[in-house]
Every structure is written in C-alpha cells, then in structure tokens.
C-alpha atoms as a PDB file:
ATOM      1  CA  MET A   1       0.000   0.000   0.000  1.00  0.00           C
ATOM      2  CA  GLY A   2       1.286   3.435  -0.918  1.00  0.00           C
ATOM      3  CA  GLN A   3       1.172   6.641   1.034  1.00  0.00           C
ATOM      4  CA  LEU A   4      -2.129   8.294   1.952  1.00  0.00           C
ATOM      5  CA  LEU A   5      -1.717  11.887   0.848  1.00  0.00           C
ATOM      6  CA  ALA A   6      -3.762  14.833   2.188  1.00  0.00           C
ATOM      7  CA  ALA A   7      -3.864  18.230   0.487  1.00  0.00           C
ATOM      8  CA  GLY A   8      -5.177  21.562   1.741  1.00  0.00           C
ATOM      9  CA  HIS A   9      -4.874  23.846   4.740  1.00  0.00           C
ATOM     10  CA  ILE A  10      -2.147  23.898   7.365  1.00  0.00           C
ATOM     11  CA  ASN A  11      -2.868  26.310  10.213  1.00  0.00           C
ATOM     12  CA  TRP A  12      -1.667  27.227  13.673  1.00  0.00           C
ATOM     13  CA  ASP A  13      -4.544  27.044  16.156  1.00  0.00           C
ATOM     14  CA  VAL A  14      -5.003  29.022  19.359  1.00  0.00           C
ATOM     15  CA  THR A  15      -7.831  27.426  21.340  1.00  0.00           C
ATOM     16  CA  LEU A  16      -9.503  29.490  24.043  1.00  0.00           C
ATOM     17  CA  ARG A  17     -11.894  27.658  26.339  1.00  0.00           C
ATOM     18  CA  VAL A  18     -14.610  29.834  27.870  1.00  0.00           C
ATOM     19  CA  SER A  19     -17.533  29.183  30.173  1.00  0.00           C
ATOM     20  CA  ALA A  20     -19.932  30.373  27.457  1.00  0.00           C
ATOM     21  CA  LEU A  21     -19.716  32.059  24.080  1.00  0.00           C
ATOM     22  CA  PRO A  22     -20.314  35.783  24.675  1.00  0.00           C
ATOM     23  CA  GLU A  23     -23.321  37.672  23.381  1.00  0.00           C
ATOM     24  CA  PRO A  24     -22.702  40.779  21.195  1.00  0.00           C
ATOM     25  CA  ASP A  25     -20.936  43.401  23.304  1.00  0.00           C
ATOM     26  CA  GLY A  26     -20.538  40.752  25.993  1.00  0.00           C
ATOM     27  CA  GLU A  27     -17.498  39.257  27.696  1.00  0.00           C
ATOM     28  CA  ALA A  28     -16.444  35.708  28.528  1.00  0.00           C
ATOM     29  CA  ARG A  29     -13.823  34.418  30.940  1.00  0.00           C
ATOM     30  CA  ILE A  30     -11.025  32.320  29.422  1.00  0.00           C
ATOM     31  CA  THR A  31     -10.612  29.163  31.486  1.00  0.00           C
ATOM     32  CA  GLU A  32      -7.931  27.428  29.411  1.00  0.00           C
ATOM     33  CA  GLN A  33      -5.618  28.131  26.469  1.00  0.00           C
ATOM     34  CA  HIS A  34      -4.050  25.675  24.044  1.00  0.00           C
ATOM     35  CA  ARG A  35      -1.733  26.258  21.060  1.00  0.00           C
ATOM     36  CA  ALA A  36      -1.049  23.611  18.425  1.00  0.00           C
ATOM     37  CA  GLY A  37      -1.180  22.869  14.719  1.00  0.00           C
ATOM     38  CA  GLY A  38      -4.461  22.777  12.837  1.00  0.00           C
ATOM     39  CA  GLY A  39      -5.956  22.922   9.360  1.00  0.00           C
ATOM     40  CA  SER A  40      -8.112  20.163   7.868  1.00  0.00           C
ATOM     41  CA  ALA A  41      -5.492  18.562   5.618  1.00  0.00           C
ATOM     42  CA  ALA A  42      -2.853  18.664   8.352  1.00  0.00           C
ATOM     43  CA  ASN A  43      -5.318  17.255  10.889  1.00  0.00           C
ATOM     44  CA  VAL A  44      -6.208  14.321   8.629  1.00  0.00           C
ATOM     45  CA  ALA A  45      -2.569  13.548   7.849  1.00  0.00           C
ATOM     46  CA  SER A  46      -1.640  13.704  11.534  1.00  0.00           C
ATOM     47  CA  ALA A  47      -4.565  11.444  12.473  1.00  0.00           C
ATOM     48  CA  LEU A  48      -3.592   8.893   9.816  1.00  0.00           C
ATOM     49  CA  ALA A  49      -0.010   8.881  11.088  1.00  0.00           C
ATOM     50  CA  GLY A  50      -1.362   8.374  14.615  1.00  0.00           C
ATOM     51  CA  LEU A  51      -3.080   5.235  13.316  1.00  0.00           C
ATOM     52  CA  GLU A  52       0.365   4.057  12.134  1.00  0.00           C
ATOM     53  CA  LEU A  53      -0.409   4.583   8.459  1.00  0.00           C
ATOM     54  CA  GLU A  54       1.989   6.194   6.001  1.00  0.00           C
ATOM     55  CA  ALA A  55       0.759   9.769   5.576  1.00  0.00           C
ATOM     56  CA  GLY A  56       1.977  12.706   3.496  1.00  0.00           C
ATOM     57  CA  LEU A  57       0.830  16.307   3.173  1.00  0.00           C
ATOM     58  CA  ILE A  58       0.593  18.970   0.446  1.00  0.00           C
ATOM     59  CA  GLY A  59       0.139  22.531   1.686  1.00  0.00           C
ATOM     60  CA  SER A  60       1.808  25.798   2.600  1.00  0.00           C
ATOM     61  CA  VAL A  61       2.948  27.681   5.685  1.00  0.00           C
ATOM     62  CA  GLY A  62       4.602  31.039   6.219  1.00  0.00           C
ATOM     63  CA  THR A  63       8.230  31.605   7.067  1.00  0.00           C
ATOM     64  CA  ASP A  64       7.261  32.801  10.556  1.00  0.00           C
ATOM     65  CA  GLU A  65       7.612  30.978  13.868  1.00  0.00           C
ATOM     66  CA  GLN A  66       4.062  29.606  13.690  1.00  0.00           C
ATOM     67  CA  GLY A  67       4.866  27.979  10.361  1.00  0.00           C
ATOM     68  CA  ARG A  68       8.036  26.431  11.695  1.00  0.00           C
ATOM     69  CA  MET A  69       6.206  25.123  14.757  1.00  0.00           C
ATOM     70  CA  ALA A  70       3.416  23.661  12.615  1.00  0.00           C
ATOM     71  CA  VAL A  71       5.877  21.769  10.411  1.00  0.00           C
ATOM     72  CA  ARG A  72       7.939  20.537  13.358  1.00  0.00           C
ATOM     73  CA  GLU A  73       4.813  19.224  15.063  1.00  0.00           C
ATOM     74  CA  LEU A  74       3.723  17.381  11.915  1.00  0.00           C
ATOM     75  CA  GLU A  75       7.167  15.848  11.482  1.00  0.00           C
ATOM     76  CA  ALA A  76       7.149  14.718  15.103  1.00  0.00           C
ATOM     77  CA  SER A  77       3.786  13.016  14.559  1.00  0.00           C
ATOM     78  CA  GLY A  78       5.201  11.010  11.646  1.00  0.00           C
ATOM     79  CA  VAL A  79       3.779  12.956   8.695  1.00  0.00           C
ATOM     80  CA  ASP A  80       5.895  13.266   5.531  1.00  0.00           C
ATOM     81  CA  VAL A  81       6.188  17.051   5.072  1.00  0.00           C
ATOM     82  CA  ALA A  82       8.457  16.997   1.994  1.00  0.00           C
ATOM     83  CA  ARG A  83       5.614  18.485  -0.095  1.00  0.00           C
ATOM     84  CA  VAL A  84       4.883  21.336   2.346  1.00  0.00           C
ATOM     85  CA  ILE A  85       6.213  24.638   1.006  1.00  0.00           C
ATOM     86  CA  SER A  86       7.240  27.697   3.026  1.00  0.00           C
ATOM     87  CA  VAL A  87       6.371  31.052   1.487  1.00  0.00           C
ATOM     88  CA  GLU A  88       6.920  34.642   2.524  1.00  0.00           C
ATOM     89  CA  GLY A  89       4.061  35.807   4.703  1.00  0.00           C
ATOM     90  CA  GLU A  90       2.121  34.818   7.793  1.00  0.00           C
ATOM     91  CA  THR A  91       1.020  31.309   8.561  1.00  0.00           C
ATOM     92  CA  THR A  92      -2.764  31.169   8.880  1.00  0.00           C
ATOM     93  CA  VAL A  93      -3.680  31.430  12.564  1.00  0.00           C
ATOM     94  CA  LYS A  94      -7.136  30.438  13.763  1.00  0.00           C
ATOM     95  CA  TYR A  95      -8.528  31.419  17.146  1.00  0.00           C
ATOM     96  CA  LEU A  96     -11.007  28.787  18.279  1.00  0.00           C
ATOM     97  CA  VAL A  97     -13.319  29.886  21.072  1.00  0.00           C
ATOM     98  CA  VAL A  98     -14.847  26.789  22.697  1.00  0.00           C
ATOM     99  CA  ASP A  99     -17.634  26.792  25.281  1.00  0.00           C
ATOM    100  CA  ASP A 100     -18.391  24.225  27.988  1.00  0.00           C
ATOM    101  CA  ALA A 101     -20.641  22.286  25.617  1.00  0.00           C
ATOM    102  CA  GLY A 102     -17.806  21.891  23.115  1.00  0.00           C
ATOM    103  CA  GLU A 103     -19.323  24.282  20.580  1.00  0.00           C
ATOM    104  CA  VAL A 104     -16.788  26.296  18.588  1.00  0.00           C
ATOM    105  CA  MET A 105     -16.578  29.845  17.202  1.00  0.00           C
ATOM    106  CA  VAL A 106     -13.673  30.454  14.774  1.00  0.00           C
ATOM    107  CA  LEU A 107     -11.735  33.653  14.042  1.00  0.00           C
ATOM    108  CA  ALA A 108      -8.926  33.640  11.476  1.00  0.00           C
ATOM    109  CA  ASN A 109      -6.498  35.764   9.507  1.00  0.00           C
ATOM    110  CA  ASP A 110      -6.047  35.219   5.773  1.00  0.00           C
ATOM    111  CA  GLY A 111      -2.536  33.806   6.028  1.00  0.00           C
ATOM    112  CA  VAL A 112      -0.837  31.724   3.360  1.00  0.00           C
ATOM    113  CA  ASN A 113      -2.590  28.379   3.694  1.00  0.00           C
ATOM    114  CA  GLU A 114      -3.767  28.656   0.066  1.00  0.00           C
ATOM    115  CA  ALA A 115      -0.446  29.749  -1.398  1.00  0.00           C
ATOM    116  CA  VAL A 116      -0.212  26.447  -3.260  1.00  0.00           C
ATOM    117  CA  GLY A 117      -1.701  27.009  -6.708  1.00  0.00           C
ATOM    118  CA  PRO A 118      -2.157  24.679  -9.694  1.00  0.00           C
ATOM    119  CA  GLU A 119       1.147  25.917 -11.128  1.00  0.00           C
ATOM    120  CA  ASP A 120       2.910  24.606  -8.008  1.00  0.00           C
ATOM    121  CA  ILE A 121       1.580  21.055  -8.358  1.00  0.00           C
ATOM    122  CA  ALA A 122       3.829  18.676 -10.294  1.00  0.00           C
ATOM    123  CA  ALA A 123       3.161  15.030 -11.111  1.00  0.00           C
ATOM    124  CA  GLU A 124       5.982  14.036  -8.762  1.00  0.00           C
ATOM    125  CA  MET A 125       3.945  15.295  -5.820  1.00  0.00           C
ATOM    126  CA  VAL A 126       1.550  12.339  -6.031  1.00  0.00           C
ATOM    127  CA  ALA A 127       4.294   9.808  -6.770  1.00  0.00           C
ATOM    128  CA  GLY A 128       4.405   6.945  -4.296  1.00  0.00           C
ATOM    129  CA  ALA A 129       0.878   7.567  -3.035  1.00  0.00           C
ATOM    130  CA  SER A 130      -2.091   5.230  -3.322  1.00  0.00           C
ATOM    131  CA  HIS A 131      -4.812   7.667  -2.283  1.00  0.00           C
ATOM    132  CA  LEU A 132      -5.343  11.436  -2.332  1.00  0.00           C
ATOM    133  CA  HIS A 133      -7.588  13.148   0.214  1.00  0.00           C
ATOM    134  CA  LEU A 134      -8.577  16.710  -0.668  1.00  0.00           C
ATOM    135  CA  THR A 135      -9.844  19.289   1.810  1.00  0.00           C
ATOM    136  CA  GLY A 136     -10.947  22.910   1.335  1.00  0.00           C
ATOM    137  CA  GLN A 137      -8.598  24.848  -0.958  1.00  0.00           C
ATOM    138  CA  ARG A 138      -8.649  26.794  -4.210  1.00  0.00           C
ATOM    139  CA  PRO A 139     -10.863  24.949  -6.728  1.00  0.00           C
ATOM    140  CA  ALA A 140      -8.203  25.268  -9.438  1.00  0.00           C
ATOM    141  CA  THR A 141      -5.633  23.629  -7.171  1.00  0.00           C
ATOM    142  CA  ALA A 142      -8.046  20.824  -6.299  1.00  0.00           C
ATOM    143  CA  ALA A 143      -8.792  20.296 -10.001  1.00  0.00           C
ATOM    144  CA  ARG A 144      -5.086  19.989 -10.825  1.00  0.00           C
ATOM    145  CA  LEU A 145      -4.565  17.484  -8.013  1.00  0.00           C
ATOM    146  CA  ILE A 146      -7.536  15.388  -9.140  1.00  0.00           C
ATOM    147  CA  ASP A 147      -6.216  15.272 -12.718  1.00  0.00           C
ATOM    148  CA  LEU A 148      -2.770  14.140 -11.568  1.00  0.00           C
ATOM    149  CA  ALA A 149      -4.231  11.601  -9.170  1.00  0.00           C
ATOM    150  CA  HIS A 150      -6.331  10.062 -11.930  1.00  0.00           C
ATOM    151  CA  GLU A 151      -3.340   9.935 -14.269  1.00  0.00           C
ATOM    152  CA  ALA A 152      -1.335   8.155 -11.566  1.00  0.00           C
ATOM    153  CA  GLY A 153      -4.136   5.692 -10.767  1.00  0.00           C
ATOM    154  CA  LEU A 154      -4.880   7.016  -7.277  1.00  0.00           C
ATOM    155  CA  THR A 155      -8.278   6.900  -5.666  1.00  0.00           C
ATOM    156  CA  VAL A 156      -9.528  10.308  -4.466  1.00  0.00           C
ATOM    157  CA  SER A 157     -11.671  11.519  -1.572  1.00  0.00           C
ATOM    158  CA  PHE A 158     -12.847  15.089  -1.014  1.00  0.00           C
ATOM    159  CA  ASP A 159     -14.070  16.840   2.138  1.00  0.00           C
ATOM    160  CA  PRO A 160     -14.661  20.400   0.831  1.00  0.00           C
ATOM    161  CA  GLY A 161     -15.665  21.887   4.190  1.00  0.00           C
ATOM    162  CA  ARG A 162     -17.867  24.766   5.229  1.00  0.00           C
ATOM    163  CA  ARG A 163     -17.024  26.959   2.208  1.00  0.00           C
ATOM    164  CA  VAL A 164     -18.540  24.496  -0.257  1.00  0.00           C
ATOM    165  CA  ASP A 165     -21.453  26.888  -0.870  1.00  0.00           C
ATOM    166  CA  GLU A 166     -19.089  29.833  -1.524  1.00  0.00           C
ATOM    167  CA  ARG A 167     -16.760  28.191  -4.039  1.00  0.00           C
ATOM    168  CA  ASP A 168     -17.430  26.518  -7.335  1.00  0.00           C
ATOM    169  CA  PHE A 169     -16.419  22.967  -6.514  1.00  0.00           C
ATOM    170  CA  SER A 170     -19.393  21.559  -8.452  1.00  0.00           C
ATOM    171  CA  PRO A 171     -17.380  20.425 -11.527  1.00  0.00           C
ATOM    172  CA  LEU A 172     -15.094  18.429  -9.219  1.00  0.00           C
ATOM    173  CA  LEU A 173     -17.540  16.678  -6.924  1.00  0.00           C
ATOM    174  CA  ASP A 174     -18.475  13.960  -9.401  1.00  0.00           C
ATOM    175  CA  GLN A 175     -14.815  13.288 -10.231  1.00  0.00           C
ATOM    176  CA  VAL A 176     -13.942  11.806  -6.842  1.00  0.00           C
ATOM    177  CA  ASP A 177     -14.422   8.310  -5.460  1.00  0.00           C
ATOM    178  CA  VAL A 178     -15.621   9.470  -2.049  1.00  0.00           C
ATOM    179  CA  LEU A 179     -17.313  12.740  -1.071  1.00  0.00           C
ATOM    180  CA  LEU A 180     -17.559  13.564   2.642  1.00  0.00           C
ATOM    181  CA  VAL A 181     -19.900  16.349   3.788  1.00  0.00           C
ATOM    182  CA  ASN A 182     -21.738  17.325   6.939  1.00  0.00           C
ATOM    183  CA  GLU A 183     -25.482  17.980   6.950  1.00  0.00           C
ATOM    184  CA  LEU A 184     -25.170  21.701   6.184  1.00  0.00           C
ATOM    185  CA  GLU A 185     -22.777  20.986   3.326  1.00  0.00           C
ATOM    186  CA  ALA A 186     -25.036  18.216   1.994  1.00  0.00           C
ATOM    187  CA  ARG A 187     -27.932  20.668   1.822  1.00  0.00           C
ATOM    188  CA  ALA A 188     -25.727  23.168  -0.016  1.00  0.00           C
ATOM    189  CA  VAL A 189     -24.597  20.569  -2.576  1.00  0.00           C
ATOM    190  CA  PHE A 190     -27.661  18.347  -2.989  1.00  0.00           C
ATOM    191  CA  GLY A 191     -30.496  20.447  -1.592  1.00  0.00           C
ATOM    192  CA  ALA A 192     -31.037  17.827   1.134  1.00  0.00           C
ATOM    193  CA  ASP A 193     -29.090  16.076   3.871  1.00  0.00           C
ATOM    194  CA  GLU A 194     -30.652  12.657   3.298  1.00  0.00           C
ATOM    195  CA  GLY A 195     -32.967  10.764   0.983  1.00  0.00           C
ATOM    196  CA  ALA A 196     -33.367  10.263  -2.736  1.00  0.00           C
ATOM    197  CA  GLU A 197     -31.406  13.366  -3.766  1.00  0.00           C
ATOM    198  CA  ILE A 198     -28.210  12.006  -2.244  1.00  0.00           C
ATOM    199  CA  ALA A 199     -28.905   8.361  -3.065  1.00  0.00           C
ATOM    200  CA  GLY A 200     -29.386   9.346  -6.698  1.00  0.00           C
ATOM    201  CA  ALA A 201     -26.046  11.173  -6.770  1.00  0.00           C
ATOM    202  CA  ALA A 202     -24.177   8.181  -5.330  1.00  0.00           C
ATOM    203  CA  GLY A 203     -23.548   4.836  -6.941  1.00  0.00           C
ATOM    204  CA  PRO A 204     -20.841   2.466  -8.106  1.00  0.00           C
ATOM    205  CA  GLU A 205     -18.584   5.337  -9.176  1.00  0.00           C
ATOM    206  CA  ARG A 206     -18.993   7.550  -6.102  1.00  0.00           C
ATOM    207  CA  THR A 207     -19.636   7.013  -2.398  1.00  0.00           C
ATOM    208  CA  ILE A 208     -21.188   9.888  -0.466  1.00  0.00           C
ATOM    209  CA  VAL A 209     -20.781  10.049   3.309  1.00  0.00           C
ATOM    210  CA  VAL A 210     -22.865  12.483   5.358  1.00  0.00           C
ATOM    211  CA  LYS A 211     -21.420  13.305   8.783  1.00  0.00           C
ATOM    212  CA  ARG A 212     -24.162  13.950  11.343  1.00  0.00           C
ATOM    213  CA  GLY A 213     -22.144  14.849  14.438  1.00  0.00           C
ATOM    214  CA  ALA A 214     -23.614  13.330  17.593  1.00  0.00           C
ATOM    215  CA  ASP A 215     -26.198  11.522  15.422  1.00  0.00           C
ATOM    216  CA  GLY A 216     -23.589   9.428  13.633  1.00  0.00           C
ATOM    217  CA  ALA A 217     -23.201   9.236   9.869  1.00  0.00           C
ATOM    218  CA  SER A 218     -24.790   7.863   6.713  1.00  0.00           C
ATOM    219  CA  LEU A 219     -23.177   6.225   3.697  1.00  0.00           C
ATOM    220  CA  TYR A 220     -24.661   6.226   0.202  1.00  0.00           C
ATOM    221  CA  ALA A 221     -23.142   3.999  -2.479  1.00  0.00           C
ATOM    222  CA  GLY A 222     -26.037   2.735  -4.538  1.00  0.00           C
ATOM    223  CA  GLY A 223     -28.745   0.568  -3.049  1.00  0.00           C
ATOM    224  CA  GLU A 224     -30.021   1.211   0.446  1.00  0.00           C
ATOM    225  CA  PRO A 225     -28.101   3.810   2.470  1.00  0.00           C
ATOM    226  CA  VAL A 226     -26.300   2.627   5.585  1.00  0.00           C
ATOM    227  CA  HIS A 227     -26.577   4.608   8.814  1.00  0.00           C
ATOM    228  CA  HIS A 228     -24.534   4.306  11.998  1.00  0.00           C
ATOM    229  CA  PRO A 229     -25.898   6.128  15.072  1.00  0.00           C
ATOM    230  CA  GLY A 230     -22.509   7.114  16.455  1.00  0.00           C
ATOM    231  CA  PHE A 231     -21.373   6.829  20.060  1.00  0.00           C
ATOM    232  CA  ALA A 232     -22.659   8.782  23.042  1.00  0.00           C
ATOM    233  CA  VAL A 233     -19.755  10.629  24.667  1.00  0.00           C
ATOM    234  CA  GLU A 234     -19.299  13.864  26.578  1.00  0.00           C
ATOM    235  CA  ALA A 235     -18.004  16.491  24.144  1.00  0.00           C
ATOM    236  CA  VAL A 236     -15.201  18.735  25.392  1.00  0.00           C
ATOM    237  CA  ASP A 237     -14.181  20.280  22.053  1.00  0.00           C
ATOM    238  CA  THR A 238     -15.629  19.499  18.622  1.00  0.00           C
ATOM    239  CA  THR A 239     -12.675  21.090  16.790  1.00  0.00           C
ATOM    240  CA  GLY A 240     -11.203  18.642  14.309  1.00  0.00           C
ATOM    241  CA  ALA A 241     -13.893  16.001  14.849  1.00  0.00           C
ATOM    242  CA  GLY A 242     -14.815  15.959  11.157  1.00  0.00           C
ATOM    243  CA  ASP A 243     -11.151  15.546  10.209  1.00  0.00           C
ATOM    244  CA  ALA A 244     -10.766  12.681  12.675  1.00  0.00           C
ATOM    245  CA  PHE A 245     -13.897  11.099  11.186  1.00  0.00           C
ATOM    246  CA  ALA A 246     -12.385  11.386   7.698  1.00  0.00           C
ATOM    247  CA  ALA A 247      -9.125   9.812   8.901  1.00  0.00           C
ATOM    248  CA  GLY A 248     -11.039   6.939  10.505  1.00  0.00           C
ATOM    249  CA  TYR A 249     -12.993   6.416   7.304  1.00  0.00           C
ATOM    250  CA  LEU A 250      -9.845   6.397   5.167  1.00  0.00           C
ATOM    251  CA  ALA A 251      -8.059   4.093   7.610  1.00  0.00           C
ATOM    252  CA  ALA A 252     -10.917   1.586   7.410  1.00  0.00           C
ATOM    253  CA  THR A 253     -11.095   1.670   3.622  1.00  0.00           C
ATOM    254  CA  VAL A 254      -8.000   2.606   1.620  1.00  0.00           C
ATOM    255  CA  GLY A 255      -5.754   2.264   4.703  1.00  0.00           C
ATOM    256  CA  GLY A 256      -6.681  -1.348   5.359  1.00  0.00           C
ATOM    257  CA  PHE A 257      -6.999  -0.790   9.127  1.00  0.00           C
ATOM    258  CA  ALA A 258      -8.721  -3.764  10.756  1.00  0.00           C
ATOM    259  CA  LEU A 259      -9.448  -4.716  14.353  1.00  0.00           C
ATOM    260  CA  ASP A 260      -8.569  -8.345  13.741  1.00  0.00           C
ATOM    261  CA  GLU A 261      -7.770 -10.800  10.973  1.00  0.00           C
ATOM    262  CA  ALA A 262     -11.444 -11.678  10.581  1.00  0.00           C
ATOM    263  CA  THR A 263     -12.304  -8.163   9.393  1.00  0.00           C
ATOM    264  CA  ALA A 264      -9.149  -7.482   7.392  1.00  0.00           C
ATOM    265  CA  GLY A 265      -9.872  -6.786   3.743  1.00  0.00           C
ATOM    266  CA  THR A 266     -13.632  -6.613   4.242  1.00  0.00           C
ATOM    267  CA  PRO A 267     -14.494  -2.939   4.782  1.00  0.00           C
ATOM    268  CA  ASP A 268     -18.281  -3.328   4.959  1.00  0.00           C
ATOM    269  CA  PRO A 269     -20.094   0.018   5.249  1.00  0.00           C
ATOM    270  CA  GLU A 270     -21.365  -0.453   8.807  1.00  0.00           C
ATOM    271  CA  ARG A 271     -17.916  -1.331  10.130  1.00  0.00           C
ATOM    272  CA  VAL A 272     -16.379   1.584   8.230  1.00  0.00           C
ATOM    273  CA  LEU A 273     -18.866   4.056   9.698  1.00  0.00           C
ATOM    274  CA  ALA A 274     -18.344   2.610  13.175  1.00  0.00           C
ATOM    275  CA  MET A 275     -14.602   3.219  12.909  1.00  0.00           C
ATOM    276  CA  ALA A 276     -15.048   6.728  11.537  1.00  0.00           C
ATOM    277  CA  ASN A 277     -17.603   7.637  14.210  1.00  0.00           C
ATOM    278  CA  ALA A 278     -15.386   6.180  16.924  1.00  0.00           C
ATOM    279  CA  SER A 279     -12.459   8.290  15.732  1.00  0.00           C
ATOM    280  CA  GLY A 280     -14.625  11.411  15.888  1.00  0.00           C
ATOM    281  CA  ALA A 281     -16.090  10.462  19.277  1.00  0.00           C
ATOM    282  CA  LEU A 282     -12.666   9.988  20.846  1.00  0.00           C
ATOM    283  CA  THR A 283     -11.499  13.304  19.404  1.00  0.00           C
ATOM    284  CA  VAL A 284     -14.300  15.421  20.889  1.00  0.00           C
ATOM    285  CA  GLN A 285     -13.445  14.194  24.375  1.00  0.00           C
ATOM    286  CA  GLN A 286     -10.183  16.163  24.350  1.00  0.00           C
ATOM    287  CA  ALA A 287      -9.230  19.751  23.634  1.00  0.00           C
ATOM    288  CA  GLY A 288      -7.647  20.811  20.338  1.00  0.00           C
ATOM    289  CA  ALA A 289      -7.837  19.774  16.708  1.00  0.00           C
ATOM    290  CA  ARG A 290      -5.043  17.182  16.994  1.00  0.00           C
ATOM    291  CA  SER A 291      -6.628  14.882  19.547  1.00  0.00           C
ATOM    292  CA  ALA A 292      -7.423  12.029  17.151  1.00  0.00           C
ATOM    293  CA  PRO A 293      -6.882   8.594  18.723  1.00  0.00           C
ATOM    294  CA  THR A 294      -3.997   6.181  18.436  1.00  0.00           C
ATOM    295  CA  ARG A 295      -4.464   2.792  16.813  1.00  0.00           C
ATOM    296  CA  GLU A 296      -4.627   1.138  20.234  1.00  0.00           C
ATOM    297  CA  ALA A 297      -7.131   3.632  21.652  1.00  0.00           C
ATOM    298  CA  LEU A 298      -9.429   3.291  18.634  1.00  0.00           C
ATOM    299  CA  ALA A 299      -9.324  -0.494  18.747  1.00  0.00           C
ATOM    300  CA  ALA A 300     -10.005  -0.530  22.500  1.00  0.00           C
ATOM    301  CA  PHE A 301     -12.917   1.911  22.166  1.00  0.00           C
ATOM    302  CA  LEU A 302     -14.541  -0.124  19.391  1.00  0.00           C
ATOM    303  CA  ALA A 303     -14.001  -3.388  21.226  1.00  0.00           C
ATOM    304  CA  GLU A 304     -15.711  -1.973  24.300  1.00  0.00           C
ATOM    305  CA  ARG A 305     -18.588  -0.255  22.509  1.00  0.00           C
ATOM    306  CA  THR A 306     -19.373  -3.001  19.993  1.00  0.00           C
ATOM    307  CA  ALA A 307     -18.925  -6.037  22.263  1.00  0.00           C
END
C-alpha cells in the first residue's frame, strides 16, 4: 500500500476555552488556552499517522515561527512534510473559542494556507501515493490534483468543508471516489441532507458520506443507504472532529486498518462508519484539533462499545 496523501490547509490554532460564548458586546472568561497545529489537511494527515499509516501532506505555511512550529509538530507526529512549502508571509492562525458544551466559534487571519496554486503542483507530488484526500482549498488547485491523481491511478476523496457553498467545486464533486460532507454541506450541494437526492447522486462510481455529528453518519453507495448512530460521549471540544472522522474512514477503507484478521480486507459500510464515528467520538473528548486517537485507543474503544 502506498502513502495516503492529504492536500489543503495547514494552520496554527489558538484554542480558548470559555464558560460560554459571549453575546454581542458581551465578555467571557477564558478558562484554558491551548496552542497547536491545525488545518483540515494537516489534521487528517496527523490522524492517519497516529493510526500508524503512512501519511503525506501537500500545503503551505509562512516563514514565521508559527509555520516552523506547525511543520515541526507534523514531522514529530510522523507525517511526511516533503511536499509542504514555506512562502513569505504569515502562517494562517485560527482562534477557536470553545464553550463548555464543546461548541466552537472560529476567528482567522487570511494567512498563506492557500499559497499552493495549480502551477505549483507537479506530477511528482503524487508519486508513491495510493490515495489522495482533498480538503478545502482553491478549486483550481483541487482540479489539478484530481487530474494528476487520476493519471497516476490514485483513488480520491474530497471533504470540501464549510465553504462548499461559496466556491465553485461543483465540476469536481463527481470526479472523486468518495465525497464527505456534513449535513449543512449536503444541503448546499444536494439540496437535502438525506434521501433520494443524495442516493441518486451516489452509486458504483462515487460514495457519499454524510457526517451527522452526535447523530452518527450515513453512507450512500447505490442501493439502500447505511446509517450508523454514532457513540454517546461527553463532548469537550468538537474542533477537528470531522477531520478525525475522515481519517477513521480512510483508515478503514483505503488504509486497510482492521481490528482483527477476521475483518481485514472486508471494509463493509457499517464497520467503516463505526470506525469513523469512533475516531470522531474519541477526538471530541479532548481539547484541540489534533486529539485524534492512536491505533490502540481506537481499537479498544470499538471493542468496548461493539462487544
């Protein structure tokens, strides 16, 4: 199996925990602060590496201290950062304000996390990979990556993120093998978050996965959709939960992750969704976007909850 390659944003996150999100003109007391790497592509790559899978990353950081810290942290987690470029400017910094219920409000500067353009993507960047996972980025860059991935025989997944209704990703969404969206994004793309509209858009050539947060997830791949209800846990911080879900999904499918020999090589939809939901559930129980579980923690959680 080749490398699982993620492409998209690399950020530096400053997480501020508060007792409650303030009302307009209001004030909230900061109870905890946490600084670490973030960005959807970086989060997925880090989570895959934490599951002991070979993970690489395409993206950009600034030449500032935050950029250096972000790259060092990724390297330390086992991610191949050879395709990460440093450019003049500020690394994108996101301030994540999290309340006691785990709900998140995000503030961000523009930064350089979309400095990678189609002209920067060469065929060599997908060499040695077996799968490409795209996250939110410039549509032209995503299109170039999809073309190169197809030429190289890679499978492709895409989690376009919250800006899917602001950017013209529509020509790309039917060119990928797996599309991952949450309920809001599903409504923006398909006009619905469940039912015939999504089932009709899925099929043998494309799997669509709808992430439903605490209500689990649904998978559409032709035929009857498969739903997994998720796992009841106490949420501390929902930051990065969708990225951890995506990593769990990829691990269970293209990554070949299996709990035992009996399930190896048989990624049935229900088991795949269980693993993805478990990865997200474990993540929300800790602060920060890089709290995705280890291989051992994920296996133990699933063994306990599915016994």
